[in-house]
C-alpha atoms as a PDB file:
ATOM      1  CA  UNK A   1      83.327   4.704   5.249  1.00  0.00           C
ATOM      2  CA  UNK A   2      86.215   6.855   3.030  1.00  0.00           C
ATOM      3  CA  UNK A   3      84.390   5.104  -0.113  1.00  0.00           C
ATOM      4  CA  UNK A   4      81.063   6.356   0.805  1.00  0.00           C
ATOM      5  CA  UNK A   5      82.307   9.883   1.277  1.00  0.00           C
ATOM      6  CA  UNK A   6      84.297  10.008  -1.792  1.00  0.00           C
ATOM      7  CA  UNK A   7      81.243   8.678  -4.043  1.00  0.00           C
ATOM      8  CA  UNK A   8      79.234  11.483  -2.253  1.00  0.00           C
ATOM      9  CA  UNK A   9      82.169  14.004  -3.340  1.00  0.00           C
ATOM     10  CA  UNK A  10      81.746  13.006  -6.686  1.00  0.00           C
ATOM     11  CA  UNK A  11      78.099  13.724  -6.983  1.00  0.00           C
ATOM     12  CA  UNK A  12      78.787  17.099  -5.338  1.00  0.00           C
ATOM     13  CA  UNK A  13      76.983  16.593  -2.281  1.00  0.00           C
ATOM     14  CA  UNK A  14      78.512  16.298   1.199  1.00  0.00           C
ATOM     15  CA  UNK A  15      77.899  13.453   3.538  1.00  0.00           C
ATOM     16  CA  UNK A  16      75.520  15.215   5.588  1.00  0.00           C
ATOM     17  CA  UNK A  17      73.321  16.135   2.363  1.00  0.00           C
ATOM     18  CA  UNK A  18      71.760  12.467   2.477  1.00  0.00           C
ATOM     19  CA  UNK A  19      69.125  11.810   5.173  1.00  0.00           C
ATOM     20  CA  UNK A  20      69.528   8.963   7.380  1.00  0.00           C
ATOM     21  CA  UNK A  21      66.914   6.068   6.561  1.00  0.00           C
ATOM     22  CA  UNK A  22      64.643   7.184   9.819  1.00  0.00           C
ATOM     23  CA  UNK A  23      64.547  10.623   8.867  1.00  0.00           C
ATOM     24  CA  UNK A  24      63.415   9.615   4.922  1.00  0.00           C
ATOM     25  CA  UNK A  25      60.773   7.145   6.873  1.00  0.00           C
ATOM     26  CA  UNK A  26      59.250  10.080   8.704  1.00  0.00           C
ATOM     27  CA  UNK A  27      59.068  12.589   5.614  1.00  0.00           C
ATOM     28  CA  UNK A  28      57.357   9.558   3.889  1.00  0.00           C
ATOM     29  CA  UNK A  29      54.798   9.264   6.794  1.00  0.00           C
ATOM     30  CA  UNK A  30      54.093  12.824   6.970  1.00  0.00           C
ATOM     31  CA  UNK A  31      53.737  12.991   3.325  1.00  0.00           C
ATOM     32  CA  UNK A  32      51.414   9.873   3.521  1.00  0.00           C
ATOM     33  CA  UNK A  33      49.366  11.366   6.341  1.00  0.00           C
ATOM     34  CA  UNK A  34      48.827  14.922   4.389  1.00  0.00           C
ATOM     35  CA  UNK A  35      47.769  12.957   1.298  1.00  0.00           C
ATOM     36  CA  UNK A  36      45.482  11.195   3.437  1.00  0.00           C
ATOM     37  CA  UNK A  37      43.748  14.474   4.863  1.00  0.00           C
ATOM     38  CA  UNK A  38      43.551  16.145   1.578  1.00  0.00           C
ATOM     39  CA  UNK A  39      41.463  13.091  -0.203  1.00  0.00           C
ATOM     40  CA  UNK A  40      39.264  12.786   3.024  1.00  0.00           C
ATOM     41  CA  UNK A  41      38.609  16.332   2.722  1.00  0.00           C
ATOM     42  CA  UNK A  42      37.775  16.055  -0.821  1.00  0.00           C
ATOM     43  CA  UNK A  43      35.430  13.188  -0.016  1.00  0.00           C
ATOM     44  CA  UNK A  44      33.271  15.302   2.219  1.00  0.00           C
ATOM     45  CA  UNK A  45      33.989  19.009   1.271  1.00  0.00           C
ATOM     46  CA  UNK A  46      31.973  20.672  -1.534  1.00  0.00           C
ATOM     47  CA  UNK A  47      34.842  21.672  -4.306  1.00  0.00           C
ATOM     48  CA  UNK A  48      32.416  23.872  -6.393  1.00  0.00           C
ATOM     49  CA  UNK A  49      33.658  27.157  -4.567  1.00  0.00           C
ATOM     50  CA  UNK A  50      31.382  29.500  -6.724  1.00  0.00           C
ATOM     51  CA  UNK A  51      28.437  27.636  -5.870  1.00  0.00           C
ATOM     52  CA  UNK A  52      28.424  28.497  -2.289  1.00  0.00           C
ATOM     53  CA  UNK A  53      27.974  32.455  -3.661  1.00  0.00           C
ATOM     54  CA  UNK A  54      25.083  31.018  -5.519  1.00  0.00           C
ATOM     55  CA  UNK A  55      23.536  29.736  -3.009  1.00  0.00           C
ATOM     56  CA  UNK A  56      24.272  32.520  -0.345  1.00  0.00           C
ATOM     57  CA  UNK A  57      23.767  35.399  -2.350  1.00  0.00           C
ATOM     58  CA  UNK A  58      19.908  34.777  -3.035  1.00  0.00           C
ATOM     59  CA  UNK A  59      19.293  34.084   0.456  1.00  0.00           C
ATOM     60  CA  UNK A  60      20.737  37.377   1.345  1.00  0.00           C
ATOM     61  CA  UNK A  61      18.929  39.306  -0.921  1.00  0.00           C
ATOM     62  CA  UNK A  62      15.984  37.693  -0.109  1.00  0.00           C
ATOM     63  CA  UNK A  63      16.274  38.116   3.404  1.00  0.00           C
ATOM     64  CA  UNK A  64      17.184  41.530   2.888  1.00  0.00           C
ATOM     65  CA  UNK A  65      13.906  42.737   1.159  1.00  0.00           C
ATOM     66  CA  UNK A  66      11.958  40.723   3.455  1.00  0.00           C
ATOM     67  CA  UNK A  67      13.229  42.568   6.261  1.00  0.00           C
ATOM     68  CA  UNK A  68      12.013  46.033   5.212  1.00  0.00           C
ATOM     69  CA  UNK A  69       8.597  44.348   5.591  1.00  0.00           C
ATOM     70  CA  UNK A  70       8.800  42.142   8.758  1.00  0.00           C
ATOM     71  CA  UNK A  71      11.691  41.675  10.852  1.00  0.00           C
ATOM     72  CA  UNK A  72      11.899  38.078  11.775  1.00  0.00           C
ATOM     73  CA  UNK A  73      15.701  36.579  11.781  1.00  0.00           C
ATOM     74  CA  UNK A  74      15.138  32.716  13.474  1.00  0.00           C
ATOM     75  CA  UNK A  75      12.940  31.555  10.091  1.00  0.00           C
ATOM     76  CA  UNK A  76      15.951  32.675   8.084  1.00  0.00           C
ATOM     77  CA  UNK A  77      18.844  30.923  10.283  1.00  0.00           C
ATOM     78  CA  UNK A  78      17.281  28.000  10.373  1.00  0.00           C
ATOM     79  CA  UNK A  79      16.669  28.187   6.423  1.00  0.00           C
ATOM     80  CA  UNK A  80      20.195  28.803   6.284  1.00  0.00           C
ATOM     81  CA  UNK A  81      21.380  25.907   8.312  1.00  0.00           C
ATOM     82  CA  UNK A  82      19.201  23.741   6.556  1.00  0.00           C
ATOM     83  CA  UNK A  83      20.325  24.744   3.364  1.00  0.00           C
ATOM     84  CA  UNK A  84      23.861  24.869   3.916  1.00  0.00           C
ATOM     85  CA  UNK A  85      23.446  21.223   5.723  1.00  0.00           C
ATOM     86  CA  UNK A  86      21.856  19.904   2.357  1.00  0.00           C
ATOM     87  CA  UNK A  87      24.163  21.838  -0.054  1.00  0.00           C
ATOM     88  CA  UNK A  88      27.140  19.990   1.841  1.00  0.00           C
ATOM     89  CA  UNK A  89      25.582  16.851   2.122  1.00  0.00           C
ATOM     90  CA  UNK A  90      25.563  16.263  -1.632  1.00  0.00           C
ATOM     91  CA  UNK A  91      29.333  16.098  -1.854  1.00  0.00           C
ATOM     92  CA  UNK A  92      29.893  13.030   0.698  1.00  0.00           C
ATOM     93  CA  UNK A  93      26.882  10.975  -0.607  1.00  0.00           C
ATOM     94  CA  UNK A  94      27.902  11.472  -4.405  1.00  0.00           C
ATOM     95  CA  UNK A  95      31.807  10.091  -2.939  1.00  0.00           C
ATOM     96  CA  UNK A  96      30.050   7.137  -1.229  1.00  0.00           C
ATOM     97  CA  UNK A  97      27.333   6.031  -4.430  1.00  0.00           C
ATOM     98  CA  UNK A  98      30.717   6.400  -6.792  1.00  0.00           C
ATOM     99  CA  UNK A  99      28.674   9.194  -8.787  1.00  0.00           C
ATOM    100  CA  UNK A 100      31.756  11.795  -8.521  1.00  0.00           C
ATOM    101  CA  UNK A 101      35.259  11.891  -9.539  1.00  0.00           C
ATOM    102  CA  UNK A 102      36.664  11.084  -6.131  1.00  0.00           C
ATOM    103  CA  UNK A 103      34.909   8.155  -4.522  1.00  0.00           C
ATOM    104  CA  UNK A 104      34.997   6.579  -1.040  1.00  0.00           C
ATOM    105  CA  UNK A 105      37.348   3.248  -1.468  1.00  0.00           C
ATOM    106  CA  UNK A 106      38.725   2.082   1.838  1.00  0.00           C
ATOM    107  CA  UNK A 107      36.730   0.629   4.891  1.00  0.00           C
ATOM    108  CA  UNK A 108      37.884   4.207   6.952  1.00  0.00           C
ATOM    109  CA  UNK A 109      36.952   6.094   4.057  1.00  0.00           C
ATOM    110  CA  UNK A 110      33.446   4.842   4.121  1.00  0.00           C
ATOM    111  CA  UNK A 111      33.230   4.914   7.547  1.00  0.00           C
ATOM    112  CA  UNK A 112      34.590   8.692   7.466  1.00  0.00           C
ATOM    113  CA  UNK A 113      31.695   9.504   4.786  1.00  0.00           C
ATOM    114  CA  UNK A 114      28.812   7.985   6.665  1.00  0.00           C
ATOM    115  CA  UNK A 115      29.192   9.809   9.718  1.00  0.00           C
ATOM    116  CA  UNK A 116      29.485  13.289   8.010  1.00  0.00           C
ATOM    117  CA  UNK A 117      26.146  12.143   5.974  1.00  0.00           C
ATOM    118  CA  UNK A 118      24.355  11.255   9.231  1.00  0.00           C
ATOM    119  CA  UNK A 119      25.762  14.193  11.063  1.00  0.00           C
ATOM    120  CA  UNK A 120      24.452  16.862   8.169  1.00  0.00           C
ATOM    121  CA  UNK A 121      21.550  14.686   7.600  1.00  0.00           C
ATOM    122  CA  UNK A 122      20.263  15.383  11.203  1.00  0.00           C
ATOM    123  CA  UNK A 123      21.230  18.903  11.451  1.00  0.00           C
ATOM    124  CA  UNK A 124      19.211  19.751   8.215  1.00  0.00           C
ATOM    125  CA  UNK A 125      16.180  17.595   9.532  1.00  0.00           C
ATOM    126  CA  UNK A 126      16.181  19.255  12.638  1.00  0.00           C
ATOM    127  CA  UNK A 127      16.210  22.932  11.365  1.00  0.00           C
ATOM    128  CA  UNK A 128      13.851  21.885   8.362  1.00  0.00           C
ATOM    129  CA  UNK A 129      11.293  20.053  10.925  1.00  0.00           C
ATOM    130  CA  UNK A 130      11.476  23.088  13.292  1.00  0.00           C
ATOM    131  CA  UNK A 131      10.571  25.312   9.925  1.00  0.00           C
ATOM    132  CA  UNK A 132       7.643  22.838   9.140  1.00  0.00           C
ATOM    133  CA  UNK A 133       6.230  22.356  12.680  1.00  0.00           C
ATOM    134  CA  UNK A 134       2.609  22.643  13.003  1.00  0.00           C
ATOM    135  CA  UNK A 135       1.796  22.758   9.109  1.00  0.00           C
ATOM    136  CA  UNK A 136       3.946  25.639   9.315  1.00  0.00           C
ATOM    137  CA  UNK A 137       5.503  27.136   5.912  1.00  0.00           C
ATOM    138  CA  UNK A 138       3.585  24.626   3.458  1.00  0.00           C
ATOM    139  CA  UNK A 139       4.639  26.112   0.539  1.00  0.00           C
ATOM    140  CA  UNK A 140       8.392  25.641   1.314  1.00  0.00           C
ATOM    141  CA  UNK A 141       7.566  22.052   0.390  1.00  0.00           C
ATOM    142  CA  UNK A 142       6.629  23.335  -3.207  1.00  0.00           C
ATOM    143  CA  UNK A 143       9.742  25.384  -3.234  1.00  0.00           C
ATOM    144  CA  UNK A 144      12.235  22.328  -2.264  1.00  0.00           C
ATOM    145  CA  UNK A 145      10.653  19.969  -4.832  1.00  0.00           C
ATOM    146  CA  UNK A 146      11.148  22.956  -7.550  1.00  0.00           C
ATOM    147  CA  UNK A 147      14.827  22.951  -6.210  1.00  0.00           C
ATOM    148  CA  UNK A 148      15.130  18.971  -6.050  1.00  0.00           C
ATOM    149  CA  UNK A 149      13.800  18.731  -9.518  1.00  0.00           C
ATOM    150  CA  UNK A 150      16.456  21.236 -10.899  1.00  0.00           C
ATOM    151  CA  UNK A 151      19.147  19.270  -9.326  1.00  0.00           C
ATOM    152  CA  UNK A 152      18.018  16.163 -10.643  1.00  0.00           C
ATOM    153  CA  UNK A 153      17.818  17.538 -14.015  1.00  0.00           C
ATOM    154  CA  UNK A 154      21.286  19.110 -13.468  1.00  0.00           C
ATOM    155  CA  UNK A 155      22.758  15.656 -12.502  1.00  0.00           C
ATOM    156  CA  UNK A 156      21.015  13.836 -15.548  1.00  0.00           C
ATOM    157  CA  UNK A 157      22.370  16.485 -17.761  1.00  0.00           C
ATOM    158  CA  UNK A 158      25.867  16.009 -16.815  1.00  0.00           C
ATOM    159  CA  UNK A 159      25.906  12.825 -18.196  1.00  0.00           C
ATOM    160  CA  UNK A 160      26.059  14.269 -21.640  1.00  0.00           C
ATOM    161  CA  UNK A 161      29.115  15.313 -21.543  1.00  0.00           C
ATOM    162  CA  UNK A 162      30.748  18.664 -22.048  1.00  0.00           C
ATOM    163  CA  UNK A 163      28.647  20.021 -24.461  1.00  0.00           C
ATOM    164  CA  UNK A 164      25.900  20.205 -22.000  1.00  0.00           C
ATOM    165  CA  UNK A 165      27.887  21.626 -19.151  1.00  0.00           C
ATOM    166  CA  UNK A 166      26.413  25.119 -19.571  1.00  0.00           C
ATOM    167  CA  UNK A 167      23.091  23.805 -19.615  1.00  0.00           C
ATOM    168  CA  UNK A 168      23.212  21.759 -16.758  1.00  0.00           C
ATOM    169  CA  UNK A 169      24.986  24.599 -14.417  1.00  0.00           C
ATOM    170  CA  UNK A 170      21.754  27.040 -15.696  1.00  0.00           C
ATOM    171  CA  UNK A 171      19.343  24.321 -15.005  1.00  0.00           C
ATOM    172  CA  UNK A 172      21.445  23.582 -11.612  1.00  0.00           C
ATOM    173  CA  UNK A 173      21.119  27.715 -11.022  1.00  0.00           C
ATOM    174  CA  UNK A 174      17.655  27.155 -10.835  1.00  0.00           C
ATOM    175  CA  UNK A 175      17.707  25.381  -7.875  1.00  0.00           C
ATOM    176  CA  UNK A 176      20.260  27.363  -6.225  1.00  0.00           C
ATOM    177  CA  UNK A 177      18.576  30.696  -6.728  1.00  0.00           C
ATOM    178  CA  UNK A 178      15.365  29.220  -5.283  1.00  0.00           C
ATOM    179  CA  UNK A 179      17.055  30.088  -1.715  1.00  0.00           C
ATOM    180  CA  UNK A 180      15.901  33.801  -2.546  1.00  0.00           C
ATOM    181  CA  UNK A 181      11.879  33.122  -2.807  1.00  0.00           C
ATOM    182  CA  UNK A 182      12.243  30.718   0.270  1.00  0.00           C
ATOM    183  CA  UNK A 183      14.172  33.239   2.355  1.00  0.00           C
ATOM    184  CA  UNK A 184      11.283  35.794   1.658  1.00  0.00           C
ATOM    185  CA  UNK A 185       8.862  33.470   2.404  1.00  0.00           C
ATOM    186  CA  UNK A 186       9.772  32.129   5.543  1.00  0.00           C
ATOM    187  CA  UNK A 187       9.958  35.509   7.025  1.00  0.00           C
ATOM    188  CA  UNK A 188       7.107  37.183   5.364  1.00  0.00           C
ATOM    189  CA  UNK A 189       4.657  33.977   5.734  1.00  0.00           C
ATOM    190  CA  UNK A 190       3.693  35.207   1.660  1.00  0.00           C
ATOM    191  CA  UNK A 191       4.628  33.722  -1.577  1.00  0.00           C
ATOM    192  CA  UNK A 192       3.481  36.600  -3.600  1.00  0.00           C
ATOM    193  CA  UNK A 193       4.888  38.524  -6.836  1.00  0.00           C
ATOM    194  CA  UNK A 194       7.968  39.771  -4.731  1.00  0.00           C
ATOM    195  CA  UNK A 195       9.061  36.126  -4.230  1.00  0.00           C
ATOM    196  CA  UNK A 196       8.948  35.583  -8.034  1.00  0.00           C
ATOM    197  CA  UNK A 197      10.557  38.628  -8.702  1.00  0.00           C
ATOM    198  CA  UNK A 198      13.720  38.082  -6.260  1.00  0.00           C
ATOM    199  CA  UNK A 199      13.658  34.100  -7.876  1.00  0.00           C
ATOM    200  CA  UNK A 200      13.915  35.639 -11.300  1.00  0.00           C
ATOM    201  CA  UNK A 201      16.590  38.343 -10.748  1.00  0.00           C
ATOM    202  CA  UNK A 202      18.525  36.072  -8.931  1.00  0.00           C
ATOM    203  CA  UNK A 203      18.717  33.416 -11.651  1.00  0.00           C
ATOM    204  CA  UNK A 204      19.415  36.273 -14.345  1.00  0.00           C
ATOM    205  CA  UNK A 205      22.418  37.627 -11.999  1.00  0.00           C
ATOM    206  CA  UNK A 206      23.926  33.965 -11.462  1.00  0.00           C
ATOM    207  CA  UNK A 207      23.254  33.176 -15.164  1.00  0.00           C
ATOM    208  CA  UNK A 208      25.322  35.779 -16.388  1.00  0.00           C
ATOM    209  CA  UNK A 209      27.727  35.102 -13.874  1.00  0.00           C
ATOM    210  CA  UNK A 210      27.967  31.542 -14.731  1.00  0.00           C
ATOM    211  CA  UNK A 211      28.236  32.208 -18.694  1.00  0.00           C
ATOM    212  CA  UNK A 212      30.800  35.120 -17.939  1.00  0.00           C
ATOM    213  CA  UNK A 213      33.205  32.864 -15.994  1.00  0.00           C
ATOM    214  CA  UNK A 214      33.332  30.153 -19.094  1.00  0.00           C
ATOM    215  CA  UNK A 215      33.684  32.858 -21.472  1.00  0.00           C
ATOM    216  CA  UNK A 216      36.471  34.192 -19.867  1.00  0.00           C
ATOM    217  CA  UNK A 217      38.216  30.593 -19.077  1.00  0.00           C
ATOM    218  CA  UNK A 218      37.384  29.500 -22.790  1.00  0.00           C
ATOM    219  CA  UNK A 219      38.643  32.911 -24.446  1.00  0.00           C
ATOM    220  CA  UNK A 220      41.743  33.445 -21.689  1.00  0.00           C
ATOM    221  CA  UNK A 221      43.934  33.412 -25.202  1.00  0.00           C
ATOM    222  CA  UNK A 222      41.942  35.131 -27.428  1.00  0.00           C
ATOM    223  CA  UNK A 223      43.156  38.920 -28.140  1.00  0.00           C
ATOM    224  CA  UNK A 224      41.240  41.831 -29.937  1.00  0.00           C
ATOM    225  CA  UNK A 225      37.305  42.593 -30.014  1.00  0.00           C
ATOM    226  CA  UNK A 226      36.717  41.085 -33.305  1.00  0.00           C
ATOM    227  CA  UNK A 227      37.861  37.530 -32.101  1.00  0.00           C
ATOM    228  CA  UNK A 228      36.503  38.214 -28.650  1.00  0.00           C
ATOM    229  CA  UNK A 229      32.845  38.530 -30.310  1.00  0.00           C
ATOM    230  CA  UNK A 230      33.853  35.475 -32.679  1.00  0.00           C
ATOM    231  CA  UNK A 231      34.195  33.602 -29.787  1.00  0.00           C
ATOM    232  CA  UNK A 232      31.843  35.019 -27.227  1.00  0.00           C
ATOM    233  CA  UNK A 233      28.787  36.294 -29.335  1.00  0.00           C
ATOM    234  CA  UNK A 234      26.701  33.957 -27.505  1.00  0.00           C
ATOM    235  CA  UNK A 235      27.216  35.687 -24.285  1.00  0.00           C
ATOM    236  CA  UNK A 236      26.900  39.010 -26.093  1.00  0.00           C
ATOM    237  CA  UNK A 237      23.554  37.961 -27.251  1.00  0.00           C
ATOM    238  CA  UNK A 238      22.657  36.948 -23.355  1.00  0.00           C
ATOM    239  CA  UNK A 239      23.526  40.412 -22.536  1.00  0.00           C
ATOM    240  CA  UNK A 240      21.063  41.800 -25.000  1.00  0.00           C
ATOM    241  CA  UNK A 241      18.477  39.339 -23.963  1.00  0.00           C
ATOM    242  CA  UNK A 242      19.110  40.113 -20.280  1.00  0.00           C
ATOM    243  CA  UNK A 243      18.826  43.841 -21.062  1.00  0.00           C
ATOM    244  CA  UNK A 244      15.153  43.418 -22.754  1.00  0.00           C
ATOM    245  CA  UNK A 245      13.890  40.986 -19.966  1.00  0.00           C
ATOM    246  CA  UNK A 246      14.685  43.761 -17.016  1.00  0.00           C
ATOM    247  CA  UNK A 247      13.217  46.269 -19.469  1.00  0.00           C
ATOM    248  CA  UNK A 248      10.051  44.348 -19.714  1.00  0.00           C
ATOM    249  CA  UNK A 249       9.901  43.756 -16.033  1.00  0.00           C
ATOM    250  CA  UNK A 250      10.049  47.033 -15.428  1.00  0.00           C
ATOM    251  CA  UNK A 251       7.705  47.952 -18.188  1.00  0.00           C
ATOM    252  CA  UNK A 252       5.246  45.739 -16.713  1.00  0.00           C
ATOM    253  CA  UNK A 253       5.818  46.842 -13.055  1.00  0.00           C
ATOM    254  CA  UNK A 254       6.788  43.495 -12.147  1.00  0.00           C
ATOM    255  CA  UNK A 255       9.974  44.875 -11.014  1.00  0.00           C
ATOM    256  CA  UNK A 256      10.932  48.367  -9.670  1.00  0.00           C
ATOM    257  CA  UNK A 257      12.362  50.106 -12.274  1.00  0.00           C
ATOM    258  CA  UNK A 258      14.832  51.523  -9.579  1.00  0.00           C
ATOM    259  CA  UNK A 259      15.845  48.107  -8.710  1.00  0.00           C
ATOM    260  CA  UNK A 260      17.287  47.382 -12.287  1.00  0.00           C
ATOM    261  CA  UNK A 261      20.375  49.739 -11.448  1.00  0.00           C
ATOM    262  CA  UNK A 262      21.649  46.445  -9.436  1.00  0.00           C
ATOM    263  CA  UNK A 263      21.939  44.929 -12.872  1.00  0.00           C
ATOM    264  CA  UNK A 264      24.011  48.023 -14.367  1.00  0.00           C
ATOM    265  CA  UNK A 265      27.778  46.892 -13.075  1.00  0.00           C
ATOM    266  CA  UNK A 266      27.028  43.230 -14.160  1.00  0.00           C
ATOM    267  CA  UNK A 267      26.087  44.527 -17.645  1.00  0.00           C
ATOM    268  CA  UNK A 268      28.975  46.815 -17.666  1.00  0.00           C
ATOM    269  CA  UNK A 269      31.443  44.203 -16.465  1.00  0.00           C
ATOM    270  CA  UNK A 270      30.584  42.048 -19.513  1.00  0.00           C
ATOM    271  CA  UNK A 271      30.693  44.651 -22.194  1.00  0.00           C
ATOM    272  CA  UNK A 272      33.932  46.175 -20.889  1.00  0.00           C
ATOM    273  CA  UNK A 273      35.596  42.615 -21.713  1.00  0.00           C
ATOM    274  CA  UNK A 274      35.450  42.881 -24.902  1.00  0.00           C
ATOM    275  CA  UNK A 275      37.054  46.050 -25.467  1.00  0.00           C
ATOM    276  CA  UNK A 276      39.865  45.915 -22.952  1.00  0.00           C
ATOM    277  CA  UNK A 277      43.325  45.033 -23.456  1.00  0.00           C
ATOM    278  CA  UNK A 278      44.155  41.490 -23.193  1.00  0.00           C
ATOM    279  CA  UNK A 279      45.662  40.268 -19.876  1.00  0.00           C
ATOM    280  CA  UNK A 280      46.460  36.740 -18.443  1.00  0.00           C
ATOM    281  CA  UNK A 281      43.531  34.767 -16.965  1.00  0.00           C
ATOM    282  CA  UNK A 282      44.089  34.784 -13.076  1.00  0.00           C
ATOM    283  CA  UNK A 283      41.279  32.387 -11.970  1.00  0.00           C
ATOM    284  CA  UNK A 284      41.612  33.305  -8.365  1.00  0.00           C
ATOM    285  CA  UNK A 285      41.717  37.171  -9.045  1.00  0.00           C
ATOM    286  CA  UNK A 286      38.497  36.298 -11.394  1.00  0.00           C
ATOM    287  CA  UNK A 287      36.624  34.639  -8.680  1.00  0.00           C
ATOM    288  CA  UNK A 288      37.124  37.388  -6.157  1.00  0.00           C
ATOM    289  CA  UNK A 289      36.222  40.158  -8.503  1.00  0.00           C
ATOM    290  CA  UNK A 290      32.688  38.132  -9.480  1.00  0.00           C
ATOM    291  CA  UNK A 291      32.453  37.930  -5.505  1.00  0.00           C
ATOM    292  CA  UNK A 292      32.823  41.645  -5.469  1.00  0.00           C
ATOM    293  CA  UNK A 293      29.912  41.647  -7.990  1.00  0.00           C
ATOM    294  CA  UNK A 294      27.192  39.491  -6.042  1.00  0.00           C
ATOM    295  CA  UNK A 295      28.049  42.038  -2.799  1.00  0.00           C
ATOM    296  CA  UNK A 296      27.469  45.188  -5.115  1.00  0.00           C
ATOM    297  CA  UNK A 297      24.147  43.394  -6.552  1.00  0.00           C
ATOM    298  CA  UNK A 298      22.766  42.224  -3.325  1.00  0.00           C
ATOM    299  CA  UNK A 299      23.453  46.029  -2.010  1.00  0.00           C
ATOM    300  CA  UNK A 300      22.083  47.872  -4.602  1.00  0.00           C
ATOM    301  CA  UNK A 301      19.014  45.674  -4.879  1.00  0.00           C
ATOM    302  CA  UNK A 302      18.004  45.207  -1.329  1.00  0.00           C
ATOM    303  CA  UNK A 303      18.332  49.152  -0.950  1.00  0.00           C
ATOM    304  CA  UNK A 304      16.306  49.537  -4.636  1.00  0.00           C
ATOM    305  CA  UNK A 305      13.444  47.257  -3.033  1.00  0.00           C
ATOM    306  CA  UNK A 306      13.884  49.447   0.277  1.00  0.00           C
ATOM    307  CA  UNK A 307      13.415  52.944  -1.477  1.00  0.00           C
ATOM    308  CA  UNK A 308      10.536  51.685  -3.871  1.00  0.00           C
ATOM    309  CA  UNK A 309       8.303  51.402  -0.903  1.00  0.00           C
END
């Protein structure tokens, strides 16, 4: 015992600093259980946090515009449940099929993933079945098929590697922003020009956000306006094209002129980046900033359509 105490003193540690074997086992067990919980969560919970916003913003804007014509909240609640369930379903399905970075391996993991798939599938089927019961909302099938084709195209483009990453995300955005016309349709039972406007406007907004976030990530160490323009000229060109598309949509009366105000904060944010002072990239802060942009867009867009009536 004296020898052990002496050796501990040589290392500069008191005898009490070394935990008993039982405490070590308990610590290892707790760490193992925590790692298992985190892994199980990654197997069943979507990791693309920004995609939730890309799904919910179009749905809110579509419902907001529709409510100025018909106040019918039940269909949008059913559509919301179905859309969230189907979006969530993709992660456990990919984990089970082994097409994602994290794959279900043990029998316990397979059982957990299958339970989630069955549960989410039943919820989505019940919500969609209620919406489509009695041959109602027939055009919802067409919107769903378009979204499915977009997601399938995104999956194929992901296999092309990093070079096609931006294009794959843009294609996937077509599917996510289909929530806007879908929300408008189930409330008003009309798939008219306003539904197409909602789809286009939300696609433009989401596409700009995706491009901007990628720009900030890839130019986080770039300083100076010239260097930023040299690296970010595709985004600058996209901003210009976006402005001309919106002006043309207003000129040909495809979208109310006043609705273009909703895009002004987005455009300003994009141009200011090229001239602002260099600052370290805070990914979490960037995410919150883009969330504020989404909220501002929703409020202004819905208000503009209400005023244009």
